């Protein structure tokens, strides 16, 4: 009996560790750039542009190879399912996330044009024309908002499903290592 109990605890522990390895940082952070006021300094434009570029690069990691990104998570879900766990909620969340990624990819690709032309900024992110720079950060802001809307919170839902799964499959408290 102890042997079976130990195996069950081991399987649950392995499942928890596998789930703990899932990425939990959101690539789709909230767009916290307010509309650009008419009298903004060049330094503020440069700071906003740098922040937008950083956000663009972080988001890009999810779009680099959607199939490999999703396959990695799918592999982990499949391993959990092999241990007899119910993964229906995880699978549904992953499927929604994958569909949203594929739907949002063209929007992300359109942002590349803004980044490549960087009108009003030089190659180092310094303002060369204030009006063009202001227009560029506004365009970038609008595209990021469009991207956020297209993703429709699916990454957050996937993260939440993972958290709920971990909590539901956490080993009981107070058990000692030897199962006593």
N, C-alpha and C. Protein backbone atom coordinates (compact mmCIF):
# COMPACT_ATOMS: atom_id res chain seq x y z
N UNK A 1 0.82 -1.18 0.00
CA UNK A 1 0.00 0.00 0.00
C UNK A 1 0.87 1.26 0.00
N UNK A 2 1.95 1.23 0.78
CA UNK A 2 2.84 2.38 0.82
C UNK A 2 3.44 2.63 -0.55
N UNK A 3 3.77 1.57 -1.28
CA UNK A 3 4.38 1.70 -2.59
C UNK A 3 3.43 2.40 -3.56
N UNK A 4 2.18 2.06 -3.55
CA UNK A 4 1.20 2.69 -4.44
C UNK A 4 1.03 4.16 -4.07
N UNK A 5 0.92 4.43 -2.78
CA UNK A 5 0.76 5.79 -2.31
C UNK A 5 1.97 6.64 -2.71
N UNK A 6 3.16 6.07 -2.56
CA UNK A 6 4.38 6.81 -2.96
C UNK A 6 4.38 7.11 -4.45
N UNK A 7 3.93 6.14 -5.26
CA UNK A 7 3.89 6.35 -6.71
C UNK A 7 2.90 7.45 -7.07
N UNK A 8 1.77 7.48 -6.39
CA UNK A 8 0.78 8.52 -6.66
C UNK A 8 1.35 9.89 -6.29
N UNK A 9 1.97 9.98 -5.14
CA UNK A 9 2.58 11.25 -4.71
C UNK A 9 3.67 11.65 -5.69
N UNK A 10 4.47 10.70 -6.15
CA UNK A 10 5.54 10.98 -7.10
C UNK A 10 4.95 11.50 -8.41
N UNK A 11 3.88 10.87 -8.91
CA UNK A 11 3.25 11.30 -10.16
C UNK A 11 2.69 12.71 -10.04
N UNK A 12 2.04 12.98 -8.93
CA UNK A 12 1.49 14.33 -8.72
C UNK A 12 2.62 15.35 -8.61
N UNK A 13 3.68 14.99 -7.93
CA UNK A 13 4.82 15.91 -7.79
C UNK A 13 5.45 16.18 -9.14
N UNK A 14 5.59 15.16 -9.97
CA UNK A 14 6.16 15.35 -11.31
C UNK A 14 5.26 16.27 -12.12
N UNK A 15 3.95 16.06 -12.04
CA UNK A 15 3.01 16.92 -12.77
C UNK A 15 3.14 18.37 -12.32
N UNK A 16 3.26 18.58 -11.03
CA UNK A 16 3.40 19.94 -10.50
C UNK A 16 4.70 20.57 -10.99
N UNK A 17 5.78 19.81 -10.98
CA UNK A 17 7.07 20.34 -11.46
C UNK A 17 7.03 20.64 -12.94
N UNK A 18 6.38 19.78 -13.73
CA UNK A 18 6.27 20.03 -15.16
C UNK A 18 5.49 21.32 -15.40
N UNK A 19 4.40 21.49 -14.68
CA UNK A 19 3.60 22.71 -14.85
C UNK A 19 4.35 23.94 -14.35
N UNK A 20 5.19 23.76 -13.37
CA UNK A 20 5.95 24.89 -12.86
C UNK A 20 6.93 25.41 -13.91
N UNK A 21 7.27 24.56 -14.88
CA UNK A 21 8.21 24.97 -15.92
C UNK A 21 7.54 25.78 -17.03
N UNK A 22 6.20 25.85 -17.03
CA UNK A 22 5.51 26.64 -18.05
C UNK A 22 5.89 28.10 -17.92
N UNK A 23 6.01 28.78 -19.07
CA UNK A 23 6.29 30.22 -18.99
C UNK A 23 5.08 30.93 -18.40
N UNK A 24 5.33 31.81 -17.45
CA UNK A 24 4.21 32.50 -16.82
C UNK A 24 4.28 34.01 -17.00
N UNK A 25 5.24 34.49 -17.77
CA UNK A 25 5.29 35.93 -18.01
C UNK A 25 4.46 36.24 -19.23
N UNK A 26 3.73 37.28 -19.16
CA UNK A 26 2.86 37.64 -20.26
C UNK A 26 3.61 38.48 -21.27
N UNK A 27 3.57 38.01 -22.51
CA UNK A 27 4.17 38.78 -23.58
C UNK A 27 3.24 39.89 -24.03
N UNK A 28 2.01 39.81 -23.63
CA UNK A 28 1.02 40.76 -24.08
C UNK A 28 0.65 41.69 -22.94
N UNK A 29 1.58 42.49 -22.53
CA UNK A 29 1.38 43.41 -21.42
C UNK A 29 0.37 44.48 -21.83
N UNK A 30 -0.27 45.04 -20.85
CA UNK A 30 -1.25 46.09 -21.09
C UNK A 30 -0.57 47.29 -21.73
N UNK A 31 -1.29 47.93 -22.60
CA UNK A 31 -0.78 49.13 -23.26
C UNK A 31 -0.93 50.28 -22.28
N UNK A 32 0.17 50.65 -21.63
CA UNK A 32 0.09 51.70 -20.61
C UNK A 32 0.54 53.05 -21.14
N UNK A 33 0.65 53.20 -22.46
CA UNK A 33 1.00 54.48 -23.04
C UNK A 33 -0.28 55.28 -23.25
N UNK A 34 -0.44 56.38 -22.52
CA UNK A 34 -1.61 57.22 -22.74
C UNK A 34 -1.46 57.95 -24.07
N UNK A 35 -2.54 58.53 -24.59
CA UNK A 35 -2.42 59.32 -25.81
C UNK A 35 -1.35 60.40 -25.63
N UNK A 36 -0.65 60.70 -26.70
CA UNK A 36 0.45 61.65 -26.65
C UNK A 36 -0.11 63.08 -26.63
N UNK A 37 0.27 63.86 -25.63
CA UNK A 37 -0.18 65.26 -25.59
C UNK A 37 0.51 66.07 -26.69
N UNK A 38 -0.08 67.19 -27.03
CA UNK A 38 0.45 68.02 -28.10
C UNK A 38 1.82 68.60 -27.82
N UNK A 39 2.13 68.90 -26.58
CA UNK A 39 3.40 69.55 -26.25
C UNK A 39 4.31 68.59 -25.47
N UNK A 40 4.72 67.52 -26.11
CA UNK A 40 5.57 66.53 -25.45
C UNK A 40 7.02 66.78 -25.85
N UNK A 41 7.90 66.56 -24.91
CA UNK A 41 9.32 66.80 -25.18
C UNK A 41 9.91 65.65 -26.01
N UNK A 42 11.02 65.95 -26.67
CA UNK A 42 11.72 64.94 -27.45
C UNK A 42 12.20 63.80 -26.55
N UNK A 43 12.63 64.13 -25.34
CA UNK A 43 13.11 63.10 -24.41
C UNK A 43 12.00 62.12 -24.05
N UNK A 44 10.80 62.66 -23.84
CA UNK A 44 9.67 61.78 -23.54
C UNK A 44 9.30 60.92 -24.73
N UNK A 45 9.36 61.48 -25.93
CA UNK A 45 9.10 60.68 -27.14
C UNK A 45 10.12 59.55 -27.26
N UNK A 46 11.38 59.86 -26.98
CA UNK A 46 12.43 58.84 -27.05
C UNK A 46 12.19 57.73 -26.02
N UNK A 47 11.77 58.11 -24.85
CA UNK A 47 11.50 57.14 -23.79
C UNK A 47 10.31 56.24 -24.17
N UNK A 48 9.26 56.85 -24.69
CA UNK A 48 8.08 56.09 -25.12
C UNK A 48 8.46 55.14 -26.24
N UNK A 49 9.21 55.62 -27.21
CA UNK A 49 9.62 54.79 -28.35
C UNK A 49 10.46 53.61 -27.87
N UNK A 50 11.38 53.85 -26.97
CA UNK A 50 12.22 52.76 -26.44
C UNK A 50 11.35 51.72 -25.73
N UNK A 51 10.38 52.17 -24.97
CA UNK A 51 9.48 51.25 -24.26
C UNK A 51 8.64 50.45 -25.27
N UNK A 52 8.17 51.11 -26.31
CA UNK A 52 7.38 50.42 -27.33
C UNK A 52 8.23 49.39 -28.07
N UNK A 53 9.46 49.72 -28.38
CA UNK A 53 10.34 48.76 -29.05
C UNK A 53 10.61 47.55 -28.16
N UNK A 54 10.81 47.78 -26.88
CA UNK A 54 11.02 46.67 -25.95
C UNK A 54 9.81 45.76 -25.89
N UNK A 55 8.64 46.35 -25.84
CA UNK A 55 7.39 45.58 -25.82
C UNK A 55 7.25 44.79 -27.12
N UNK A 56 7.56 45.42 -28.25
CA UNK A 56 7.49 44.76 -29.56
C UNK A 56 8.40 43.54 -29.60
N UNK A 57 9.61 43.68 -29.08
CA UNK A 57 10.56 42.56 -29.08
C UNK A 57 10.09 41.43 -28.17
N UNK A 58 9.56 41.76 -26.99
CA UNK A 58 9.05 40.72 -26.08
C UNK A 58 7.90 39.95 -26.72
N UNK A 59 7.00 40.68 -27.34
CA UNK A 59 5.86 40.05 -27.99
C UNK A 59 6.34 39.17 -29.14
N UNK A 60 7.37 39.62 -29.81
CA UNK A 60 7.90 38.88 -30.95
C UNK A 60 8.35 37.47 -30.61
N UNK A 61 8.76 37.24 -29.39
CA UNK A 61 9.20 35.90 -29.00
C UNK A 61 8.07 34.88 -29.13
N UNK A 62 6.85 35.30 -28.85
CA UNK A 62 5.71 34.39 -28.98
C UNK A 62 5.37 34.13 -30.45
N UNK A 63 5.68 35.10 -31.31
CA UNK A 63 5.35 34.96 -32.73
C UNK A 63 6.49 34.38 -33.56
N UNK A 64 7.69 34.25 -32.99
CA UNK A 64 8.83 33.77 -33.77
C UNK A 64 8.55 32.43 -34.43
N UNK A 65 8.08 31.48 -33.67
CA UNK A 65 7.75 30.17 -34.21
C UNK A 65 6.54 29.66 -33.43
N UNK A 66 5.37 30.07 -33.89
CA UNK A 66 4.13 29.74 -33.19
C UNK A 66 4.00 28.24 -32.99
N UNK A 67 4.29 27.48 -34.05
CA UNK A 67 4.11 26.02 -33.97
C UNK A 67 5.00 25.41 -32.89
N UNK A 68 6.26 25.82 -32.83
CA UNK A 68 7.17 25.28 -31.81
C UNK A 68 6.76 25.74 -30.42
N UNK A 69 6.35 26.97 -30.30
CA UNK A 69 5.91 27.55 -29.02
C UNK A 69 4.73 26.76 -28.47
N UNK A 70 3.74 26.52 -29.32
CA UNK A 70 2.54 25.80 -28.89
C UNK A 70 2.87 24.32 -28.69
N UNK A 71 3.71 23.75 -29.54
CA UNK A 71 4.07 22.33 -29.42
C UNK A 71 4.75 22.04 -28.09
N UNK A 72 5.56 22.97 -27.62
CA UNK A 72 6.24 22.79 -26.34
C UNK A 72 5.23 22.68 -25.19
N UNK A 73 4.24 23.54 -25.20
CA UNK A 73 3.20 23.50 -24.17
C UNK A 73 2.33 22.26 -24.35
N UNK A 74 2.02 21.93 -25.61
CA UNK A 74 1.20 20.74 -25.89
C UNK A 74 1.88 19.47 -25.40
N UNK A 75 3.17 19.39 -25.58
CA UNK A 75 3.93 18.23 -25.11
C UNK A 75 3.79 18.05 -23.60
N UNK A 76 3.85 19.14 -22.89
CA UNK A 76 3.71 19.07 -21.43
C UNK A 76 2.30 18.64 -21.03
N UNK A 77 1.31 19.17 -21.73
CA UNK A 77 -0.07 18.78 -21.44
C UNK A 77 -0.26 17.29 -21.72
N UNK A 78 0.32 16.81 -22.82
CA UNK A 78 0.20 15.38 -23.16
C UNK A 78 0.83 14.50 -22.10
N UNK A 79 1.97 14.92 -21.55
CA UNK A 79 2.61 14.14 -20.48
C UNK A 79 1.72 14.08 -19.25
N UNK A 80 1.08 15.17 -18.94
CA UNK A 80 0.18 15.21 -17.78
C UNK A 80 -1.01 14.28 -18.03
N UNK A 81 -1.54 14.31 -19.26
CA UNK A 81 -2.69 13.46 -19.60
C UNK A 81 -2.32 11.98 -19.50
N UNK A 82 -1.08 11.65 -19.85
CA UNK A 82 -0.62 10.26 -19.75
C UNK A 82 -0.66 9.76 -18.31
N UNK A 83 -0.53 10.67 -17.36
CA UNK A 83 -0.60 10.30 -15.94
C UNK A 83 -2.04 10.22 -15.44
N UNK A 84 -3.00 10.30 -16.36
CA UNK A 84 -4.40 10.13 -15.99
C UNK A 84 -5.08 11.38 -15.48
N UNK A 85 -4.47 12.52 -15.66
CA UNK A 85 -5.07 13.78 -15.18
C UNK A 85 -6.01 14.34 -16.23
N UNK A 86 -7.03 15.06 -15.77
CA UNK A 86 -7.97 15.71 -16.66
C UNK A 86 -7.35 17.02 -17.14
N UNK A 87 -7.08 17.10 -18.42
CA UNK A 87 -6.43 18.29 -18.98
C UNK A 87 -7.34 19.05 -19.94
N UNK A 88 -8.64 18.81 -19.86
CA UNK A 88 -9.58 19.43 -20.79
C UNK A 88 -9.51 20.96 -20.73
N UNK A 89 -9.47 21.52 -19.53
CA UNK A 89 -9.42 22.99 -19.40
C UNK A 89 -8.10 23.53 -19.93
N UNK A 90 -7.00 22.83 -19.66
CA UNK A 90 -5.70 23.26 -20.18
C UNK A 90 -5.69 23.21 -21.70
N UNK A 91 -6.24 22.13 -22.26
CA UNK A 91 -6.26 21.98 -23.71
C UNK A 91 -7.11 23.05 -24.36
N UNK A 92 -8.26 23.35 -23.79
CA UNK A 92 -9.14 24.39 -24.34
C UNK A 92 -8.45 25.76 -24.30
N UNK A 93 -7.77 26.05 -23.20
CA UNK A 93 -7.07 27.33 -23.08
C UNK A 93 -5.93 27.42 -24.09
N UNK A 94 -5.19 26.32 -24.26
CA UNK A 94 -4.09 26.31 -25.24
C UNK A 94 -4.63 26.47 -26.66
N UNK A 95 -5.72 25.79 -26.99
CA UNK A 95 -6.30 25.91 -28.32
C UNK A 95 -6.75 27.35 -28.61
N UNK A 96 -7.36 27.99 -27.63
CA UNK A 96 -7.79 29.39 -27.80
C UNK A 96 -6.58 30.31 -27.98
N UNK A 97 -5.53 30.06 -27.20
CA UNK A 97 -4.31 30.86 -27.29
C UNK A 97 -3.67 30.70 -28.67
N UNK A 98 -3.59 29.46 -29.15
CA UNK A 98 -3.00 29.21 -30.47
C UNK A 98 -3.80 29.90 -31.57
N UNK A 99 -5.12 29.80 -31.51
CA UNK A 99 -5.97 30.45 -32.51
C UNK A 99 -5.77 31.96 -32.49
N UNK A 100 -5.68 32.53 -31.30
CA UNK A 100 -5.48 33.98 -31.18
C UNK A 100 -4.11 34.38 -31.72
N UNK A 101 -3.08 33.58 -31.43
CA UNK A 101 -1.75 33.88 -31.96
C UNK A 101 -1.77 33.90 -33.48
N UNK A 102 -2.39 32.90 -34.08
CA UNK A 102 -2.45 32.83 -35.54
C UNK A 102 -3.25 33.99 -36.13
N UNK A 103 -4.33 34.37 -35.46
CA UNK A 103 -5.14 35.49 -35.95
C UNK A 103 -4.42 36.83 -35.78
N UNK A 104 -3.62 36.96 -34.73
CA UNK A 104 -2.94 38.22 -34.44
C UNK A 104 -1.61 38.38 -35.19
N UNK A 105 -1.11 37.32 -35.77
CA UNK A 105 0.20 37.36 -36.45
C UNK A 105 0.26 38.45 -37.52
N UNK A 106 -0.75 38.61 -38.39
CA UNK A 106 -0.67 39.69 -39.40
C UNK A 106 -0.59 41.08 -38.77
N UNK A 107 -1.24 41.27 -37.65
CA UNK A 107 -1.18 42.57 -36.97
C UNK A 107 0.24 42.80 -36.47
N UNK A 108 0.82 41.77 -35.85
CA UNK A 108 2.20 41.88 -35.38
C UNK A 108 3.14 42.18 -36.55
N UNK A 109 2.94 41.47 -37.66
CA UNK A 109 3.80 41.69 -38.83
C UNK A 109 3.69 43.12 -39.35
N UNK A 110 2.50 43.72 -39.25
CA UNK A 110 2.33 45.10 -39.73
C UNK A 110 3.09 46.10 -38.86
N UNK A 111 3.33 45.74 -37.62
CA UNK A 111 4.09 46.63 -36.73
C UNK A 111 5.54 46.73 -37.20
N UNK A 112 6.03 45.68 -37.83
CA UNK A 112 7.42 45.67 -38.31
C UNK A 112 7.69 46.85 -39.26
N UNK A 113 6.70 47.22 -40.07
CA UNK A 113 6.86 48.35 -40.96
C UNK A 113 7.09 49.65 -40.21
N UNK A 114 6.36 49.84 -39.13
CA UNK A 114 6.54 51.04 -38.29
C UNK A 114 7.93 51.04 -37.68
N UNK A 115 8.34 49.89 -37.18
CA UNK A 115 9.65 49.78 -36.53
C UNK A 115 10.77 50.02 -37.54
N UNK A 116 10.64 49.44 -38.73
CA UNK A 116 11.70 49.59 -39.73
C UNK A 116 11.83 51.02 -40.26
N UNK A 117 10.71 51.71 -40.45
CA UNK A 117 10.80 53.08 -40.97
C UNK A 117 11.14 54.07 -39.86
N UNK A 118 10.68 53.81 -38.65
CA UNK A 118 10.90 54.65 -37.46
C UNK A 118 10.95 56.14 -37.80
N UNK A 119 9.90 56.60 -38.53
CA UNK A 119 9.83 57.99 -38.96
C UNK A 119 9.94 58.94 -37.76
N UNK A 120 10.83 59.90 -37.88
CA UNK A 120 11.04 60.89 -36.83
C UNK A 120 12.10 60.49 -35.83
N UNK A 121 12.62 59.28 -35.95
CA UNK A 121 13.68 58.80 -35.06
C UNK A 121 14.87 58.35 -35.91
N UNK A 122 16.07 58.51 -35.36
CA UNK A 122 17.23 57.97 -36.04
C UNK A 122 17.41 56.50 -35.62
N UNK A 123 18.47 55.87 -36.11
CA UNK A 123 18.71 54.46 -35.83
C UNK A 123 18.94 54.20 -34.34
N UNK A 124 19.34 55.21 -33.59
CA UNK A 124 19.60 55.06 -32.15
C UNK A 124 18.39 55.43 -31.29
N UNK A 125 17.27 55.75 -31.94
CA UNK A 125 16.07 56.09 -31.18
C UNK A 125 15.99 57.54 -30.75
N UNK A 126 16.85 58.38 -31.30
CA UNK A 126 16.82 59.80 -30.98
C UNK A 126 15.89 60.52 -31.95
N UNK A 127 15.15 61.49 -31.43
CA UNK A 127 14.19 62.23 -32.25
C UNK A 127 14.93 63.10 -33.25
N UNK A 128 14.50 62.98 -34.53
CA UNK A 128 15.04 63.84 -35.59
C UNK A 128 13.97 64.83 -36.06
N UNK A 129 12.71 64.44 -35.93
CA UNK A 129 11.59 65.31 -36.29
C UNK A 129 10.47 65.03 -35.29
N UNK A 130 10.17 66.00 -34.46
CA UNK A 130 9.22 65.82 -33.36
C UNK A 130 7.83 65.41 -33.83
N UNK A 131 7.33 66.03 -34.88
CA UNK A 131 5.98 65.73 -35.36
C UNK A 131 5.90 64.31 -35.93
N UNK A 132 6.90 63.93 -36.72
CA UNK A 132 6.92 62.57 -37.25
C UNK A 132 7.08 61.54 -36.13
N UNK A 133 7.93 61.86 -35.17
CA UNK A 133 8.15 60.94 -34.05
C UNK A 133 6.85 60.75 -33.26
N UNK A 134 6.15 61.84 -33.05
CA UNK A 134 4.87 61.77 -32.33
C UNK A 134 3.89 60.90 -33.11
N UNK A 135 3.84 61.08 -34.41
CA UNK A 135 2.96 60.27 -35.25
C UNK A 135 3.35 58.78 -35.20
N UNK A 136 4.64 58.53 -35.20
CA UNK A 136 5.13 57.15 -35.15
C UNK A 136 4.73 56.46 -33.85
N UNK A 137 4.91 57.12 -32.72
CA UNK A 137 4.55 56.49 -31.44
C UNK A 137 3.03 56.32 -31.34
N UNK A 138 2.25 57.22 -31.94
CA UNK A 138 0.80 57.07 -31.95
C UNK A 138 0.39 55.87 -32.80
N UNK A 139 1.03 55.72 -33.97
CA UNK A 139 0.74 54.56 -34.83
C UNK A 139 1.10 53.26 -34.11
N UNK A 140 2.25 53.25 -33.47
CA UNK A 140 2.70 52.07 -32.74
C UNK A 140 1.72 51.75 -31.61
N UNK A 141 1.29 52.76 -30.90
CA UNK A 141 0.33 52.58 -29.81
C UNK A 141 -0.96 51.97 -30.32
N UNK A 142 -1.46 52.48 -31.44
CA UNK A 142 -2.72 51.97 -32.01
C UNK A 142 -2.57 50.51 -32.44
N UNK A 143 -1.45 50.17 -33.06
CA UNK A 143 -1.22 48.79 -33.50
C UNK A 143 -1.08 47.85 -32.30
N UNK A 144 -0.41 48.30 -31.25
CA UNK A 144 -0.26 47.46 -30.04
C UNK A 144 -1.63 47.23 -29.40
N UNK A 145 -2.47 48.24 -29.41
CA UNK A 145 -3.82 48.09 -28.86
C UNK A 145 -4.62 47.12 -29.70
N UNK A 146 -4.47 47.20 -31.02
CA UNK A 146 -5.15 46.27 -31.93
C UNK A 146 -4.67 44.83 -31.68
N UNK A 147 -3.40 44.68 -31.46
CA UNK A 147 -2.82 43.36 -31.18
C UNK A 147 -3.37 42.81 -29.86
N UNK A 148 -3.43 43.66 -28.86
CA UNK A 148 -3.97 43.25 -27.56
C UNK A 148 -5.42 42.80 -27.70
N UNK A 149 -6.20 43.54 -28.47
CA UNK A 149 -7.60 43.18 -28.69
C UNK A 149 -7.73 41.85 -29.43
N UNK A 150 -6.85 41.63 -30.40
CA UNK A 150 -6.89 40.38 -31.16
C UNK A 150 -6.56 39.17 -30.29
N UNK A 151 -5.66 39.36 -29.33
CA UNK A 151 -5.30 38.25 -28.43
C UNK A 151 -6.41 37.98 -27.43
N UNK A 152 -7.22 38.98 -27.13
CA UNK A 152 -8.43 38.84 -26.33
C UNK A 152 -8.21 38.11 -24.99
N UNK A 153 -7.07 38.34 -24.36
CA UNK A 153 -6.83 37.77 -23.03
C UNK A 153 -6.56 36.28 -23.01
N UNK A 154 -6.27 35.67 -24.17
CA UNK A 154 -6.10 34.22 -24.21
C UNK A 154 -4.85 33.76 -23.47
N UNK A 155 -3.79 34.54 -23.47
CA UNK A 155 -2.59 34.12 -22.73
C UNK A 155 -2.88 34.15 -21.23
N UNK A 156 -3.57 35.17 -20.80
CA UNK A 156 -3.94 35.26 -19.38
C UNK A 156 -4.85 34.08 -19.00
N UNK A 157 -5.77 33.71 -19.88
CA UNK A 157 -6.66 32.57 -19.61
C UNK A 157 -5.86 31.27 -19.53
N UNK A 158 -4.86 31.12 -20.39
CA UNK A 158 -4.00 29.92 -20.34
C UNK A 158 -3.24 29.88 -19.03
N UNK A 159 -2.68 31.01 -18.64
CA UNK A 159 -1.96 31.09 -17.36
C UNK A 159 -2.87 30.76 -16.19
N UNK A 160 -4.09 31.26 -16.23
CA UNK A 160 -5.06 31.00 -15.17
C UNK A 160 -5.43 29.51 -15.12
N UNK A 161 -5.62 28.91 -16.28
CA UNK A 161 -5.94 27.47 -16.33
C UNK A 161 -4.80 26.65 -15.74
N UNK A 162 -3.57 27.05 -16.03
CA UNK A 162 -2.40 26.36 -15.46
C UNK A 162 -2.36 26.51 -13.94
N UNK A 163 -2.63 27.71 -13.47
CA UNK A 163 -2.63 27.95 -12.03
C UNK A 163 -3.70 27.12 -11.34
N UNK A 164 -4.89 27.10 -11.92
CA UNK A 164 -5.98 26.32 -11.33
C UNK A 164 -5.66 24.83 -11.34
N UNK A 165 -5.02 24.36 -12.42
CA UNK A 165 -4.65 22.94 -12.49
C UNK A 165 -3.64 22.60 -11.40
N UNK A 166 -2.65 23.47 -11.23
CA UNK A 166 -1.64 23.24 -10.19
C UNK A 166 -2.29 23.17 -8.81
N UNK A 167 -3.18 24.10 -8.54
CA UNK A 167 -3.85 24.11 -7.23
C UNK A 167 -4.71 22.86 -7.02
N UNK A 168 -5.40 22.43 -8.06
CA UNK A 168 -6.28 21.26 -7.94
C UNK A 168 -5.48 19.97 -7.80
N UNK A 169 -4.26 19.96 -8.28
CA UNK A 169 -3.46 18.74 -8.27
C UNK A 169 -2.27 18.83 -7.32
N UNK A 170 -2.34 19.75 -6.40
CA UNK A 170 -1.29 19.90 -5.39
C UNK A 170 -1.38 18.72 -4.43
N UNK A 171 -0.23 18.14 -4.05
CA UNK A 171 -0.29 17.03 -3.09
C UNK A 171 -0.83 17.53 -1.75
N UNK A 172 -1.51 16.65 -1.01
CA UNK A 172 -2.06 17.05 0.28
C UNK A 172 -0.96 17.54 1.22
N UNK A 173 -1.30 18.54 2.02
CA UNK A 173 -0.33 19.08 2.97
C UNK A 173 -0.15 18.13 4.14
N UNK A 174 0.99 18.19 4.74
CA UNK A 174 1.24 17.43 5.95
C UNK A 174 1.76 16.02 5.72
N UNK A 175 1.90 15.63 4.45
CA UNK A 175 2.44 14.29 4.19
C UNK A 175 3.95 14.32 4.29
N UNK A 176 4.48 13.31 4.90
CA UNK A 176 5.93 13.20 4.99
C UNK A 176 6.44 12.49 3.75
N UNK A 177 7.70 12.59 3.50
CA UNK A 177 8.28 12.00 2.31
C UNK A 177 8.07 10.50 2.22
N UNK A 178 8.10 9.81 3.36
CA UNK A 178 7.97 8.36 3.30
C UNK A 178 6.53 7.90 3.25
N UNK A 179 5.57 8.83 3.12
CA UNK A 179 4.17 8.49 2.95
C UNK A 179 3.45 8.23 4.25
N UNK A 180 4.05 8.48 5.38
CA UNK A 180 3.42 8.22 6.69
C UNK A 180 2.68 9.44 7.16
